[in-house]
Amino acid sequence: MVFTNRQHAADRLAEALAAYKGRNPLILAIPRGAVAMGRHLAHELGGELDVVLVRKLRAPFNPEFALGSIDESGWSYIADYAESAGGTAAYLEQEKQVQLDPLRARRAQYTPLRPPIDPADRIVIVVDDGLATGATMIAALHGLRQRKPARLVCAVPVAPPDTLARIRPYADEVVCLSAPENFRAVGQFYADFPQVEDDEVIEILRGVGGGKR
């Protein structure tokens, strides 16, 4: 399955998540690509939009390669292959500290006038525009679980089957529209997949004010 763009993917996800319509779900988008998708889901399902902030823990000699991830609270997920890719305990501890500062700065930038919306006792739907290794989503779900949502849902348009298997223990439900075996990158499954900038995210969050649309 190839999606026309993120809007098309969000339309299809809204259909798949229709059971949550009118139940005031909290839609938490992983920036940056998924934030416009999250806005659409919040509108279609009658919920609220916020972001969940997670940073990749980079491999020492290949910063594009994720050894794991870390969330705003400081909780981190470390992949089982991290050590073989240069992720010693000392290196990972240093990398965690490096990534925490931009997480805190991004929260201040994105929602300067309010704290994150409390997910406690809420239906929480975490959305991304696709998963590759799943490290970012795992960190997001694990961090949110500690805050006691009533139900925790992972919703993505596309992910490889092995990544979905890693994700499932962290969520009450995983909604994925397509799980192709021949997965190379998320952008492979979109006809139009532009880079999303911080200014666009800020404008979306300012427009919804963290509340219902």
N, C-alpha and C. Protein backbone atom coordinates (compact mmCIF):
# COMPACT_ATOMS: atom_id res chain seq x y z
N MET A 1 0.85 -1.19 0.00
CA MET A 1 0.00 0.00 0.00
C MET A 1 0.89 1.25 0.00
N VAL A 2 0.57 2.17 -0.89
CA VAL A 2 1.26 3.46 -0.94
C VAL A 2 0.24 4.56 -0.67
N PHE A 3 0.54 5.42 0.30
CA PHE A 3 -0.34 6.53 0.64
C PHE A 3 0.00 7.74 -0.22
N THR A 4 -1.01 8.49 -0.61
CA THR A 4 -0.78 9.69 -1.41
C THR A 4 0.10 10.67 -0.65
N ASN A 5 -0.22 10.89 0.62
CA ASN A 5 0.51 11.81 1.49
C ASN A 5 0.09 11.51 2.92
N ARG A 6 0.55 12.32 3.86
CA ARG A 6 0.21 12.09 5.26
C ARG A 6 -1.28 12.30 5.52
N GLN A 7 -1.90 13.22 4.80
CA GLN A 7 -3.35 13.44 4.98
C GLN A 7 -4.14 12.19 4.61
N HIS A 8 -3.76 11.57 3.50
CA HIS A 8 -4.40 10.32 3.09
C HIS A 8 -4.23 9.25 4.17
N ALA A 9 -3.02 9.13 4.71
CA ALA A 9 -2.77 8.15 5.76
C ALA A 9 -3.62 8.46 7.00
N ALA A 10 -3.74 9.74 7.35
CA ALA A 10 -4.54 10.13 8.51
C ALA A 10 -6.02 9.81 8.30
N ASP A 11 -6.51 10.02 7.09
CA ASP A 11 -7.90 9.66 6.78
C ASP A 11 -8.15 8.18 7.01
N ARG A 12 -7.23 7.36 6.55
CA ARG A 12 -7.38 5.92 6.70
C ARG A 12 -7.26 5.50 8.17
N LEU A 13 -6.36 6.14 8.90
CA LEU A 13 -6.23 5.83 10.33
C LEU A 13 -7.49 6.22 11.09
N ALA A 14 -8.08 7.37 10.74
CA ALA A 14 -9.32 7.81 11.41
C ALA A 14 -10.42 6.76 11.22
N GLU A 15 -10.49 6.18 10.05
CA GLU A 15 -11.48 5.13 9.80
C GLU A 15 -11.19 3.91 10.68
N ALA A 16 -9.92 3.54 10.78
CA ALA A 16 -9.55 2.36 11.56
C ALA A 16 -9.75 2.56 13.07
N LEU A 17 -9.75 3.84 13.49
CA LEU A 17 -9.88 4.16 14.92
C LEU A 17 -11.28 4.65 15.27
N ALA A 18 -12.23 4.40 14.40
CA ALA A 18 -13.59 4.95 14.57
C ALA A 18 -14.24 4.53 15.89
N ALA A 19 -13.83 3.44 16.46
CA ALA A 19 -14.41 2.98 17.74
C ALA A 19 -14.16 3.97 18.87
N TYR A 20 -13.17 4.86 18.71
CA TYR A 20 -12.84 5.82 19.76
C TYR A 20 -13.49 7.19 19.52
N LYS A 21 -14.27 7.30 18.48
CA LYS A 21 -14.90 8.59 18.17
C LYS A 21 -15.89 8.97 19.26
N GLY A 22 -15.82 10.22 19.70
CA GLY A 22 -16.72 10.72 20.72
C GLY A 22 -16.37 10.31 22.14
N ARG A 23 -15.21 9.69 22.34
CA ARG A 23 -14.78 9.24 23.67
C ARG A 23 -13.65 10.11 24.22
N ASN A 24 -13.48 11.29 23.61
CA ASN A 24 -12.49 12.27 24.04
C ASN A 24 -11.09 11.67 24.15
N PRO A 25 -10.62 10.97 23.11
CA PRO A 25 -9.26 10.42 23.19
C PRO A 25 -8.22 11.54 23.18
N LEU A 26 -7.09 11.27 23.79
CA LEU A 26 -5.95 12.16 23.73
C LEU A 26 -5.03 11.64 22.62
N ILE A 27 -4.88 12.43 21.57
CA ILE A 27 -4.02 12.05 20.45
C ILE A 27 -2.65 12.65 20.68
N LEU A 28 -1.65 11.80 20.83
CA LEU A 28 -0.29 12.26 21.06
C LEU A 28 0.54 11.93 19.82
N ALA A 29 0.96 12.97 19.11
CA ALA A 29 1.72 12.81 17.89
C ALA A 29 3.21 12.88 18.16
N ILE A 30 3.98 12.05 17.46
CA ILE A 30 5.43 12.09 17.54
C ILE A 30 5.92 13.09 16.49
N PRO A 31 6.53 14.20 16.91
CA PRO A 31 6.99 15.20 15.93
C PRO A 31 8.15 14.64 15.09
N ARG A 32 8.30 15.18 13.86
CA ARG A 32 7.46 16.29 13.43
C ARG A 32 6.39 15.83 12.45
N GLY A 33 6.70 14.79 11.69
CA GLY A 33 5.83 14.40 10.60
C GLY A 33 4.41 14.05 10.99
N ALA A 34 4.21 13.53 12.20
CA ALA A 34 2.89 13.03 12.57
C ALA A 34 1.98 14.09 13.18
N VAL A 35 2.45 15.31 13.37
CA VAL A 35 1.64 16.29 14.11
C VAL A 35 0.41 16.72 13.31
N ALA A 36 0.56 16.97 12.02
CA ALA A 36 -0.62 17.29 11.21
C ALA A 36 -1.57 16.10 11.15
N MET A 37 -1.05 14.90 11.11
CA MET A 37 -1.89 13.71 11.16
C MET A 37 -2.65 13.65 12.47
N GLY A 38 -1.96 13.97 13.57
CA GLY A 38 -2.61 13.98 14.87
C GLY A 38 -3.73 14.99 14.96
N ARG A 39 -3.51 16.16 14.37
CA ARG A 39 -4.57 17.18 14.35
C ARG A 39 -5.81 16.64 13.65
N HIS A 40 -5.62 15.97 12.53
CA HIS A 40 -6.75 15.42 11.79
C HIS A 40 -7.46 14.34 12.62
N LEU A 41 -6.71 13.48 13.27
CA LEU A 41 -7.33 12.44 14.10
C LEU A 41 -8.11 13.05 15.26
N ALA A 42 -7.53 14.06 15.90
CA ALA A 42 -8.24 14.71 17.01
C ALA A 42 -9.55 15.31 16.53
N HIS A 43 -9.53 15.91 15.36
CA HIS A 43 -10.74 16.50 14.79
C HIS A 43 -11.78 15.41 14.47
N GLU A 44 -11.34 14.35 13.81
CA GLU A 44 -12.27 13.30 13.38
C GLU A 44 -12.82 12.49 14.55
N LEU A 45 -12.03 12.31 15.58
CA LEU A 45 -12.44 11.46 16.71
C LEU A 45 -13.02 12.26 17.87
N GLY A 46 -12.97 13.59 17.78
CA GLY A 46 -13.51 14.42 18.85
C GLY A 46 -12.63 14.39 20.09
N GLY A 47 -11.33 14.51 19.88
CA GLY A 47 -10.40 14.42 21.01
C GLY A 47 -9.52 15.64 21.14
N GLU A 48 -8.41 15.48 21.86
CA GLU A 48 -7.43 16.54 22.08
C GLU A 48 -6.11 16.14 21.43
N LEU A 49 -5.34 17.15 21.06
CA LEU A 49 -4.03 16.92 20.44
C LEU A 49 -2.92 17.45 21.32
N ASP A 50 -1.85 16.66 21.44
CA ASP A 50 -0.61 17.12 22.04
C ASP A 50 0.51 16.34 21.36
N VAL A 51 1.73 16.63 21.73
CA VAL A 51 2.87 15.88 21.22
C VAL A 51 3.49 15.06 22.34
N VAL A 52 4.08 13.95 21.96
CA VAL A 52 4.90 13.17 22.88
C VAL A 52 6.32 13.25 22.35
N LEU A 53 7.25 13.64 23.20
CA LEU A 53 8.60 13.97 22.75
C LEU A 53 9.59 12.88 23.11
N VAL A 54 10.27 12.41 22.07
CA VAL A 54 11.24 11.32 22.20
C VAL A 54 12.41 11.64 21.28
N ARG A 55 13.61 11.30 21.70
CA ARG A 55 14.79 11.51 20.86
C ARG A 55 15.50 10.19 20.62
N LYS A 56 16.06 10.07 19.45
CA LYS A 56 16.86 8.91 19.09
C LYS A 56 18.19 8.94 19.83
N LEU A 57 18.65 7.77 20.30
CA LEU A 57 20.01 7.62 20.82
C LEU A 57 20.87 7.14 19.66
N ARG A 58 21.81 7.96 19.24
CA ARG A 58 22.54 7.75 18.00
C ARG A 58 23.73 6.82 18.18
N ALA A 59 23.99 6.03 17.15
CA ALA A 59 25.20 5.21 17.14
C ALA A 59 26.43 6.11 17.05
N PRO A 60 27.54 5.73 17.67
CA PRO A 60 28.69 6.63 17.74
C PRO A 60 29.31 6.97 16.38
N PHE A 61 29.25 6.07 15.43
CA PHE A 61 29.89 6.33 14.14
C PHE A 61 28.88 6.48 13.00
N ASN A 62 27.60 6.43 13.36
CA ASN A 62 26.55 6.56 12.35
C ASN A 62 25.34 7.21 13.01
N PRO A 63 25.29 8.55 13.05
CA PRO A 63 24.24 9.24 13.81
C PRO A 63 22.82 9.02 13.29
N GLU A 64 22.69 8.51 12.07
CA GLU A 64 21.36 8.21 11.54
C GLU A 64 20.83 6.87 12.05
N PHE A 65 21.70 6.07 12.63
CA PHE A 65 21.32 4.73 13.10
C PHE A 65 20.96 4.80 14.58
N ALA A 66 19.77 4.33 14.93
CA ALA A 66 19.28 4.41 16.30
C ALA A 66 19.70 3.18 17.11
N LEU A 67 20.33 3.45 18.26
CA LEU A 67 20.62 2.39 19.22
C LEU A 67 19.50 2.25 20.24
N GLY A 68 18.60 3.20 20.24
CA GLY A 68 17.49 3.24 21.19
C GLY A 68 16.89 4.62 21.16
N SER A 69 16.24 4.99 22.25
CA SER A 69 15.60 6.30 22.31
C SER A 69 15.35 6.68 23.77
N ILE A 70 15.02 7.96 23.96
CA ILE A 70 14.80 8.48 25.31
C ILE A 70 13.62 9.44 25.29
N ASP A 71 12.80 9.44 26.34
CA ASP A 71 11.64 10.34 26.38
C ASP A 71 11.89 11.51 27.33
N GLU A 72 10.89 12.37 27.45
CA GLU A 72 11.02 13.59 28.25
C GLU A 72 11.35 13.31 29.71
N SER A 73 10.86 12.19 30.22
CA SER A 73 11.08 11.88 31.62
C SER A 73 12.48 11.36 31.90
N GLY A 74 13.21 11.01 30.84
CA GLY A 74 14.52 10.42 30.99
C GLY A 74 14.53 8.91 30.85
N TRP A 75 13.34 8.29 30.69
CA TRP A 75 13.32 6.84 30.48
C TRP A 75 13.86 6.54 29.09
N SER A 76 14.67 5.49 28.99
CA SER A 76 15.27 5.15 27.70
C SER A 76 15.02 3.70 27.34
N TYR A 77 14.92 3.48 26.05
CA TYR A 77 14.85 2.14 25.48
C TYR A 77 16.17 1.88 24.76
N ILE A 78 16.83 0.77 25.07
CA ILE A 78 18.08 0.41 24.43
C ILE A 78 17.86 -0.88 23.62
N ALA A 79 18.14 -0.83 22.34
CA ALA A 79 17.95 -1.99 21.48
C ALA A 79 18.93 -3.10 21.85
N ASP A 80 18.54 -4.34 21.55
CA ASP A 80 19.38 -5.47 21.94
C ASP A 80 20.68 -5.53 21.14
N TYR A 81 20.74 -4.81 20.02
CA TYR A 81 21.95 -4.80 19.20
C TYR A 81 22.88 -3.62 19.54
N ALA A 82 22.53 -2.80 20.52
CA ALA A 82 23.24 -1.55 20.76
C ALA A 82 24.73 -1.76 21.03
N GLU A 83 25.06 -2.72 21.88
CA GLU A 83 26.47 -2.90 22.25
C GLU A 83 27.31 -3.30 21.05
N SER A 84 26.76 -4.16 20.19
CA SER A 84 27.52 -4.60 19.02
C SER A 84 27.73 -3.48 18.01
N ALA A 85 26.92 -2.40 18.12
CA ALA A 85 27.05 -1.25 17.22
C ALA A 85 27.80 -0.09 17.88
N GLY A 86 28.51 -0.38 18.97
CA GLY A 86 29.33 0.64 19.61
C GLY A 86 28.70 1.31 20.80
N GLY A 87 27.52 0.85 21.20
CA GLY A 87 26.80 1.48 22.30
C GLY A 87 27.21 0.93 23.66
N THR A 88 28.40 1.28 24.10
CA THR A 88 28.84 0.87 25.43
C THR A 88 28.00 1.59 26.49
N ALA A 89 28.04 1.10 27.70
CA ALA A 89 27.26 1.72 28.78
C ALA A 89 27.67 3.18 28.97
N ALA A 90 28.96 3.44 28.93
CA ALA A 90 29.45 4.81 29.13
C ALA A 90 29.00 5.72 27.98
N TYR A 91 29.10 5.21 26.76
CA TYR A 91 28.67 6.02 25.62
C TYR A 91 27.17 6.32 25.69
N LEU A 92 26.37 5.33 26.00
CA LEU A 92 24.92 5.52 26.05
C LEU A 92 24.52 6.50 27.14
N GLU A 93 25.19 6.45 28.27
CA GLU A 93 24.88 7.39 29.36
C GLU A 93 25.17 8.82 28.91
N GLN A 94 26.26 9.01 28.21
CA GLN A 94 26.60 10.33 27.69
C GLN A 94 25.59 10.78 26.63
N GLU A 95 25.22 9.86 25.75
CA GLU A 95 24.28 10.19 24.68
C GLU A 95 22.89 10.54 25.24
N LYS A 96 22.48 9.87 26.31
CA LYS A 96 21.20 10.21 26.95
C LYS A 96 21.20 11.66 27.41
N GLN A 97 22.28 12.07 28.05
CA GLN A 97 22.35 13.45 28.54
C GLN A 97 22.36 14.45 27.39
N VAL A 98 23.04 14.09 26.31
CA VAL A 98 23.07 14.96 25.13
C VAL A 98 21.67 15.16 24.56
N GLN A 99 20.85 14.12 24.58
CA GLN A 99 19.53 14.20 23.96
C GLN A 99 18.46 14.81 24.88
N LEU A 100 18.68 14.81 26.18
CA LEU A 100 17.67 15.37 27.09
C LEU A 100 17.52 16.88 26.94
N ASP A 101 18.61 17.58 26.71
CA ASP A 101 18.53 19.04 26.58
C ASP A 101 17.65 19.47 25.42
N PRO A 102 17.82 18.92 24.21
CA PRO A 102 16.92 19.32 23.12
C PRO A 102 15.47 18.89 23.34
N LEU A 103 15.24 17.80 24.08
CA LEU A 103 13.86 17.42 24.41
C LEU A 103 13.19 18.51 25.24
N ARG A 104 13.89 18.97 26.25
CA ARG A 104 13.32 20.01 27.12
C ARG A 104 13.15 21.32 26.35
N ALA A 105 14.09 21.63 25.48
CA ALA A 105 13.98 22.85 24.68
C ALA A 105 12.81 22.76 23.71
N ARG A 106 12.59 21.58 23.15
CA ARG A 106 11.49 21.41 22.19
C ARG A 106 10.14 21.54 22.88
N ARG A 107 10.02 21.01 24.09
CA ARG A 107 8.75 21.17 24.83
C ARG A 107 8.48 22.65 25.08
N ALA A 108 9.49 23.38 25.49
CA ALA A 108 9.33 24.81 25.74
C ALA A 108 8.97 25.55 24.45
N GLN A 109 9.49 25.09 23.35
CA GLN A 109 9.22 25.71 22.05
C GLN A 109 7.81 25.38 21.55
N TYR A 110 7.41 24.13 21.69
CA TYR A 110 6.13 23.68 21.13
C TYR A 110 4.93 24.13 21.95
N THR A 111 5.02 23.98 23.28
CA THR A 111 3.87 24.33 24.13
C THR A 111 4.35 25.24 25.26
N PRO A 112 4.76 26.46 24.94
CA PRO A 112 5.37 27.34 25.94
C PRO A 112 4.42 27.80 27.03
N LEU A 113 3.13 27.79 26.77
CA LEU A 113 2.18 28.35 27.72
C LEU A 113 1.46 27.31 28.57
N ARG A 114 1.84 26.05 28.41
CA ARG A 114 1.17 25.01 29.20
C ARG A 114 2.06 23.78 29.32
N PRO A 115 1.85 22.95 30.32
CA PRO A 115 2.57 21.70 30.43
C PRO A 115 1.96 20.65 29.49
N PRO A 116 2.59 19.50 29.35
CA PRO A 116 1.97 18.43 28.57
C PRO A 116 0.60 18.06 29.14
N ILE A 117 -0.34 17.68 28.28
CA ILE A 117 -1.66 17.25 28.73
C ILE A 117 -1.52 15.92 29.48
N ASP A 118 -2.15 15.82 30.62
CA ASP A 118 -2.04 14.64 31.48
C ASP A 118 -2.80 13.46 30.84
N PRO A 119 -2.12 12.34 30.57
CA PRO A 119 -2.79 11.19 29.98
C PRO A 119 -3.50 10.27 30.97
N ALA A 120 -3.41 10.56 32.26
CA ALA A 120 -3.98 9.68 33.28
C ALA A 120 -5.47 9.47 33.04
N ASP A 121 -5.89 8.20 33.06
CA ASP A 121 -7.30 7.81 32.93
C ASP A 121 -7.91 8.20 31.59
N ARG A 122 -7.09 8.48 30.61
CA ARG A 122 -7.57 8.83 29.28
C ARG A 122 -7.33 7.69 28.30
N ILE A 123 -8.13 7.62 27.25
CA ILE A 123 -7.77 6.83 26.07
C ILE A 123 -6.69 7.62 25.35
N VAL A 124 -5.51 7.04 25.21
CA VAL A 124 -4.37 7.73 24.61
C VAL A 124 -4.00 7.01 23.32
N ILE A 125 -3.97 7.75 22.22
CA ILE A 125 -3.60 7.20 20.92
C ILE A 125 -2.30 7.88 20.48
N VAL A 126 -1.24 7.10 20.39
CA VAL A 126 0.06 7.63 19.97
C VAL A 126 0.21 7.38 18.47
N VAL A 127 0.42 8.45 17.72
CA VAL A 127 0.46 8.34 16.26
C VAL A 127 1.81 8.78 15.72
N ASP A 128 2.29 8.03 14.73
CA ASP A 128 3.47 8.43 13.96
C ASP A 128 3.16 8.16 12.49
N ASP A 129 3.97 8.74 11.59
CA ASP A 129 3.68 8.55 10.17
C ASP A 129 4.24 7.25 9.63
N GLY A 130 4.88 6.48 10.48
CA GLY A 130 5.39 5.17 10.13
C GLY A 130 6.49 4.78 11.09
N LEU A 131 6.78 3.48 11.16
CA LEU A 131 7.82 2.98 12.06
C LEU A 131 8.86 2.22 11.25
N ALA A 132 10.12 2.39 11.63
CA ALA A 132 11.19 1.59 11.05
C ALA A 132 11.66 0.60 12.12
N THR A 133 12.55 1.03 13.02
CA THR A 133 12.98 0.13 14.10
C THR A 133 11.97 0.08 15.23
N GLY A 134 11.16 1.13 15.37
CA GLY A 134 10.19 1.19 16.46
C GLY A 134 10.74 1.72 17.76
N ALA A 135 12.03 2.09 17.82
CA ALA A 135 12.64 2.53 19.08
C ALA A 135 11.96 3.77 19.64
N THR A 136 11.66 4.72 18.77
CA THR A 136 11.02 5.95 19.24
C THR A 136 9.64 5.66 19.82
N MET A 137 8.85 4.85 19.12
CA MET A 137 7.51 4.52 19.59
C MET A 137 7.56 3.75 20.91
N ILE A 138 8.50 2.84 21.05
CA ILE A 138 8.61 2.07 22.29
C ILE A 138 8.89 3.00 23.46
N ALA A 139 9.81 3.94 23.29
CA ALA A 139 10.10 4.89 24.37
C ALA A 139 8.88 5.72 24.71
N ALA A 140 8.16 6.15 23.69
CA ALA A 140 6.96 6.95 23.93
C ALA A 140 5.91 6.16 24.69
N LEU A 141 5.65 4.93 24.25
CA LEU A 141 4.64 4.11 24.90
C LEU A 141 5.03 3.76 26.34
N HIS A 142 6.28 3.41 26.54
CA HIS A 142 6.72 3.04 27.89
C HIS A 142 6.60 4.22 28.84
N GLY A 143 7.05 5.39 28.40
CA GLY A 143 6.94 6.57 29.25
C GLY A 143 5.51 6.90 29.60
N LEU A 144 4.63 6.77 28.62
CA LEU A 144 3.21 7.08 28.85
C LEU A 144 2.56 6.06 29.78
N ARG A 145 2.96 4.81 29.69
CA ARG A 145 2.37 3.77 30.54
C ARG A 145 2.57 4.10 32.02
N GLN A 146 3.69 4.73 32.35
CA GLN A 146 3.95 5.08 33.74
C GLN A 146 2.98 6.13 34.26
N ARG A 147 2.29 6.82 33.34
CA ARG A 147 1.37 7.88 33.73
C ARG A 147 -0.08 7.41 33.74
N LYS A 148 -0.28 6.10 33.61
CA LYS A 148 -1.54 5.42 33.88
C LYS A 148 -2.71 5.87 33.00
N PRO A 149 -2.57 5.75 31.68
CA PRO A 149 -3.73 5.96 30.81
C PRO A 149 -4.72 4.83 30.98
N ALA A 150 -5.99 5.11 30.67
CA ALA A 150 -7.01 4.06 30.73
C ALA A 150 -6.78 3.03 29.63
N ARG A 151 -6.36 3.49 28.46
CA ARG A 151 -6.05 2.60 27.33
C ARG A 151 -4.97 3.27 26.49
N LEU A 152 -4.01 2.49 26.06
CA LEU A 152 -2.87 3.01 25.31
C LEU A 152 -2.83 2.34 23.95
N VAL A 153 -2.96 3.15 22.91
CA VAL A 153 -3.08 2.65 21.54
C VAL A 153 -1.93 3.22 20.71
N CYS A 154 -1.30 2.37 19.94
CA CYS A 154 -0.30 2.80 18.94
C CYS A 154 -0.98 2.77 17.58
N ALA A 155 -0.90 3.88 16.83
CA ALA A 155 -1.56 3.96 15.53
C ALA A 155 -0.59 4.48 14.49
N VAL A 156 -0.31 3.68 13.48
CA VAL A 156 0.62 4.06 12.42
C VAL A 156 0.11 3.55 11.08
N PRO A 157 0.43 4.24 10.00
CA PRO A 157 0.03 3.76 8.69
C PRO A 157 0.82 2.53 8.22
N VAL A 158 2.13 2.49 8.53
CA VAL A 158 2.96 1.43 7.97
C VAL A 158 4.12 1.11 8.92
N ALA A 159 4.47 -0.18 8.97
CA ALA A 159 5.61 -0.65 9.76
C ALA A 159 5.92 -2.07 9.33
N PRO A 160 7.17 -2.50 9.43
CA PRO A 160 7.50 -3.89 9.11
C PRO A 160 6.99 -4.84 10.19
N PRO A 161 6.70 -6.07 9.83
CA PRO A 161 6.12 -7.03 10.80
C PRO A 161 6.97 -7.23 12.06
N ASP A 162 8.30 -7.29 11.92
CA ASP A 162 9.12 -7.54 13.11
C ASP A 162 9.07 -6.36 14.08
N THR A 163 8.96 -5.14 13.55
CA THR A 163 8.82 -3.97 14.42
C THR A 163 7.49 -4.01 15.15
N LEU A 164 6.42 -4.37 14.47
CA LEU A 164 5.12 -4.47 15.13
C LEU A 164 5.17 -5.48 16.27
N ALA A 165 5.89 -6.57 16.06
CA ALA A 165 6.01 -7.58 17.13
C ALA A 165 6.71 -6.99 18.35
N ARG A 166 7.71 -6.13 18.13
CA ARG A 166 8.41 -5.49 19.26
C ARG A 166 7.52 -4.49 19.98
N ILE A 167 6.65 -3.83 19.23
CA ILE A 167 5.80 -2.78 19.78
C ILE A 167 4.67 -3.33 20.65
N ARG A 168 4.11 -4.45 20.26
CA ARG A 168 2.85 -4.93 20.86
C ARG A 168 2.88 -5.06 22.39
N PRO A 169 3.97 -5.49 23.00
CA PRO A 169 3.94 -5.60 24.47
C PRO A 169 3.79 -4.27 25.19
N TYR A 170 4.02 -3.17 24.51
CA TYR A 170 4.00 -1.85 25.14
C TYR A 170 2.66 -1.14 25.02
N ALA A 171 1.74 -1.67 24.22
CA ALA A 171 0.45 -1.01 23.98
C ALA A 171 -0.69 -1.98 24.23
N ASP A 172 -1.85 -1.44 24.56
CA ASP A 172 -3.05 -2.27 24.68
C ASP A 172 -3.59 -2.67 23.32
N GLU A 173 -3.31 -1.85 22.32
CA GLU A 173 -3.77 -2.11 20.96
C GLU A 173 -2.80 -1.47 19.98
N VAL A 174 -2.51 -2.17 18.91
CA VAL A 174 -1.69 -1.63 17.82
C VAL A 174 -2.53 -1.61 16.56
N VAL A 175 -2.69 -0.43 15.97
CA VAL A 175 -3.41 -0.27 14.72
C VAL A 175 -2.40 0.11 13.65
N CYS A 176 -2.21 -0.77 12.68
CA CYS A 176 -1.28 -0.52 11.59
C CYS A 176 -1.97 -0.90 10.29
N LEU A 177 -2.00 0.02 9.34
CA LEU A 177 -2.75 -0.19 8.10
C LEU A 177 -2.03 -1.10 7.12
N SER A 178 -0.71 -1.14 7.18
CA SER A 178 0.07 -1.93 6.22
C SER A 178 1.35 -2.41 6.89
N ALA A 179 1.64 -3.70 6.75
CA ALA A 179 2.85 -4.30 7.34
C ALA A 179 3.61 -5.08 6.27
N PRO A 180 4.25 -4.38 5.34
CA PRO A 180 4.92 -5.05 4.22
C PRO A 180 6.22 -5.73 4.64
N GLU A 181 6.51 -6.85 4.02
CA GLU A 181 7.76 -7.56 4.29
C GLU A 181 8.95 -6.83 3.65
N ASN A 182 8.70 -6.18 2.50
CA ASN A 182 9.80 -5.53 1.76
C ASN A 182 10.00 -4.10 2.21
N PHE A 183 10.14 -3.91 3.52
CA PHE A 183 10.25 -2.57 4.10
C PHE A 183 11.70 -2.10 4.08
N ARG A 184 11.92 -0.89 3.53
CA ARG A 184 13.26 -0.29 3.57
C ARG A 184 13.26 1.02 4.36
N ALA A 185 12.23 1.85 4.13
CA ALA A 185 12.13 3.14 4.82
C ALA A 185 10.67 3.59 4.78
N VAL A 186 10.27 4.41 5.75
CA VAL A 186 8.88 4.88 5.81
C VAL A 186 8.49 5.62 4.53
N GLY A 187 9.38 6.49 4.04
CA GLY A 187 9.06 7.29 2.87
C GLY A 187 8.77 6.49 1.61
N GLN A 188 9.20 5.24 1.59
CA GLN A 188 8.95 4.34 0.47
C GLN A 188 7.45 4.13 0.24
N PHE A 189 6.64 4.34 1.27
CA PHE A 189 5.21 4.03 1.20
C PHE A 189 4.34 5.28 1.08
N TYR A 190 4.95 6.40 0.73
CA TYR A 190 4.25 7.64 0.47
C TYR A 190 4.65 8.19 -0.90
N ALA A 191 3.66 8.62 -1.70
CA ALA A 191 3.97 9.28 -2.96
C ALA A 191 4.56 10.66 -2.71
N ASP A 192 4.07 11.32 -1.67
CA ASP A 192 4.55 12.66 -1.30
C ASP A 192 4.87 12.64 0.18
N PHE A 193 6.13 12.86 0.54
CA PHE A 193 6.57 12.71 1.94
C PHE A 193 7.56 13.82 2.28
N PRO A 194 7.07 15.08 2.32
CA PRO A 194 7.99 16.20 2.55
C PRO A 194 8.48 16.27 3.99
N GLN A 195 9.62 16.92 4.14
CA GLN A 195 10.15 17.22 5.47
C GLN A 195 9.21 18.20 6.18
N VAL A 196 8.97 18.00 7.45
CA VAL A 196 8.14 18.90 8.24
C VAL A 196 9.04 19.69 9.18
N GLU A 197 8.86 21.00 9.22
CA GLU A 197 9.72 21.86 10.03
C GLU A 197 9.05 22.23 11.36
N ASP A 198 9.87 22.68 12.30
CA ASP A 198 9.34 23.06 13.61
C ASP A 198 8.28 24.15 13.53
N ASP A 199 8.44 25.10 12.62
CA ASP A 199 7.47 26.19 12.50
C ASP A 199 6.07 25.67 12.22
N GLU A 200 5.99 24.63 11.39
CA GLU A 200 4.68 24.04 11.07
C GLU A 200 4.08 23.38 12.30
N VAL A 201 4.89 22.67 13.06
CA VAL A 201 4.41 22.02 14.29
C VAL A 201 3.90 23.07 15.27
N ILE A 202 4.67 24.14 15.47
CA ILE A 202 4.28 25.20 16.40
C ILE A 202 2.95 25.82 15.98
N GLU A 203 2.80 26.05 14.68
CA GLU A 203 1.56 26.65 14.18
C GLU A 203 0.36 25.74 14.42
N ILE A 204 0.53 24.45 14.20
CA ILE A 204 -0.56 23.50 14.44
C ILE A 204 -0.95 23.49 15.91
N LEU A 205 0.05 23.39 16.79
CA LEU A 205 -0.25 23.34 18.22
C LEU A 205 -0.83 24.64 18.73
N ARG A 206 -0.40 25.75 18.19
CA ARG A 206 -0.98 27.03 18.56
C ARG A 206 -2.44 27.10 18.10
N GLY A 207 -2.70 26.54 16.92
CA GLY A 207 -4.05 26.58 16.37
C GLY A 207 -5.06 25.78 17.16
N VAL A 208 -4.61 24.61 17.68
CA VAL A 208 -5.54 23.80 18.45
C VAL A 208 -5.51 24.12 19.93
N GLY A 209 -4.46 24.81 20.36
CA GLY A 209 -4.36 25.19 21.76
C GLY A 209 -4.33 24.03 22.70
N GLY A 210 -3.97 22.85 22.17
CA GLY A 210 -3.93 21.66 23.03
C GLY A 210 -5.31 21.17 23.38
N GLY A 211 -6.34 21.68 22.73
CA GLY A 211 -7.69 21.28 23.08
C GLY A 211 -8.46 20.74 21.92
N LYS A 212 -9.75 20.60 22.09
CA LYS A 212 -10.61 19.99 21.06
C LYS A 212 -10.73 20.94 19.88
N ARG A 213 -10.96 20.30 18.72
CA ARG A 213 -11.26 21.05 17.52
C ARG A 213 -12.72 20.86 17.18
